Amino acid sequence: MIHDDKIPHYGKDWTTLAEALGDLRYDALSEFLSALSQKIAKDADADTGSERHQLAQELYSSAAKLEAAAGATEKAWEICEPFMDESLID
């Protein structure tokens, strides 16, 4: 797998990408963080299989922290949801 150093439509404009992600509703942001966690864990699995154990360990750590961030963001959503305009919630 080739890992790129930019994202289509954003290039390397990490600030704009961070703003776009940060503007998501917290439930959607939580889903994104969880999906990213799963992707990083999948990469870690592949590195474990290739005996790149140090790399895999760091990726597993990153995945766990992303999943923790997803959980905290989901809790933020649970706090906000009762105050959201119901027409904005699908």
Protein backbone atom coordinates (compact mmCIF):
# COMPACT_ATOMS: atom_id res chain seq x y z
CA MET A 1 0.00 0.00 0.00
CA ILE A 2 1.19 3.48 -0.84
CA HIS A 3 0.58 6.12 1.83
CA ASP A 4 0.01 9.53 0.28
CA ASP A 5 1.06 12.80 1.92
CA LYS A 6 -2.03 14.76 0.90
CA ILE A 7 -5.80 14.41 0.58
CA PRO A 8 -7.76 15.17 -2.61
CA HIS A 9 -9.49 18.56 -2.45
CA TYR A 10 -7.45 19.56 0.63
CA GLY A 11 -3.86 18.92 -0.41
CA LYS A 12 -1.77 19.51 2.69
CA ASP A 13 -4.09 22.19 4.07
CA TRP A 14 -4.48 20.42 7.42
CA THR A 15 -6.01 23.49 9.07
CA THR A 16 -8.89 23.60 6.58
CA LEU A 17 -9.40 19.85 6.84
CA ALA A 18 -9.38 20.07 10.65
CA GLU A 19 -11.94 22.88 10.51
CA ALA A 20 -14.18 20.84 8.18
CA LEU A 21 -14.00 17.80 10.46
CA GLY A 22 -14.42 19.93 13.57
CA ASP A 23 -17.58 21.45 12.10
CA LEU A 24 -19.24 18.04 11.88
CA ARG A 25 -21.98 17.26 14.34
CA TYR A 26 -20.41 15.40 17.25
CA ASP A 27 -22.15 12.12 16.47
CA ALA A 28 -20.77 12.20 12.92
CA LEU A 29 -17.32 13.21 14.16
CA SER A 30 -17.39 10.30 16.61
CA GLU A 31 -18.19 7.90 13.76
CA PHE A 32 -15.31 9.31 11.71
CA LEU A 33 -12.84 8.98 14.59
CA SER A 34 -13.95 5.40 15.19
CA ALA A 35 -13.57 4.55 11.49
CA LEU A 36 -10.10 6.11 11.47
CA SER A 37 -9.22 4.10 14.58
CA GLN A 38 -10.29 0.90 12.83
CA LYS A 39 -8.22 1.77 9.75
CA ILE A 40 -5.10 2.44 11.84
CA ALA A 41 -5.64 -0.83 13.74
CA LYS A 42 -5.94 -2.66 10.40
CA ASP A 43 -2.60 -1.15 9.35
CA ALA A 44 -1.14 -2.27 12.68
CA ASP A 45 -2.38 -5.81 12.02
CA ALA A 46 -0.61 -5.79 8.66
CA ASP A 47 2.60 -4.52 10.23
CA THR A 48 2.38 -7.21 12.92
CA GLY A 49 2.05 -9.81 10.16
CA SER A 50 5.16 -8.35 8.51
CA GLU A 51 7.02 -8.50 11.83
CA ARG A 52 7.30 -4.70 12.13
CA HIS A 53 6.44 -4.92 15.81
CA GLN A 54 7.58 -1.49 16.97
CA LEU A 55 5.57 0.19 14.23
CA ALA A 56 2.55 -1.99 14.94
CA GLN A 57 2.74 -1.18 18.66
CA GLU A 58 2.68 2.56 17.97
CA LEU A 59 -0.19 2.19 15.52
CA TYR A 60 -2.20 0.14 18.02
CA SER A 61 -1.58 2.88 20.58
CA SER A 62 -2.75 5.51 18.11
CA ALA A 63 -5.86 3.46 17.26
CA ALA A 64 -6.74 3.09 20.94
CA LYS A 65 -6.40 6.83 21.52
CA LEU A 66 -8.54 7.60 18.48
CA GLU A 67 -11.19 5.20 19.76
CA ALA A 68 -11.05 6.92 23.16
CA ALA A 69 -11.49 10.28 21.40
CA ALA A 70 -14.47 8.82 19.52
CA GLY A 71 -16.01 7.77 22.83
CA ALA A 72 -15.48 11.18 24.41
CA THR A 73 -16.92 12.87 21.32
CA GLU A 74 -19.95 10.57 21.47
CA LYS A 75 -20.47 11.63 25.10
CA ALA A 76 -20.30 15.27 23.98
CA TRP A 77 -23.03 14.45 21.44
CA GLU A 78 -25.19 12.90 24.15
CA ILE A 79 -24.89 16.16 26.12
CA CYS A 80 -25.71 18.34 23.09
CA GLU A 81 -28.39 16.26 21.40
CA PRO A 82 -31.31 17.26 23.66
CA PHE A 83 -30.64 20.90 22.79
CA MET A 84 -30.38 20.39 19.02
CA ASP A 85 -33.12 21.52 16.67
CA GLU A 86 -34.90 18.24 15.87
CA SER A 87 -35.10 19.15 12.20
CA LEU A 88 -31.28 18.96 12.09
CA ILE A 89 -31.11 15.42 13.49
CA ASP A 90 -31.62 12.51 11.10
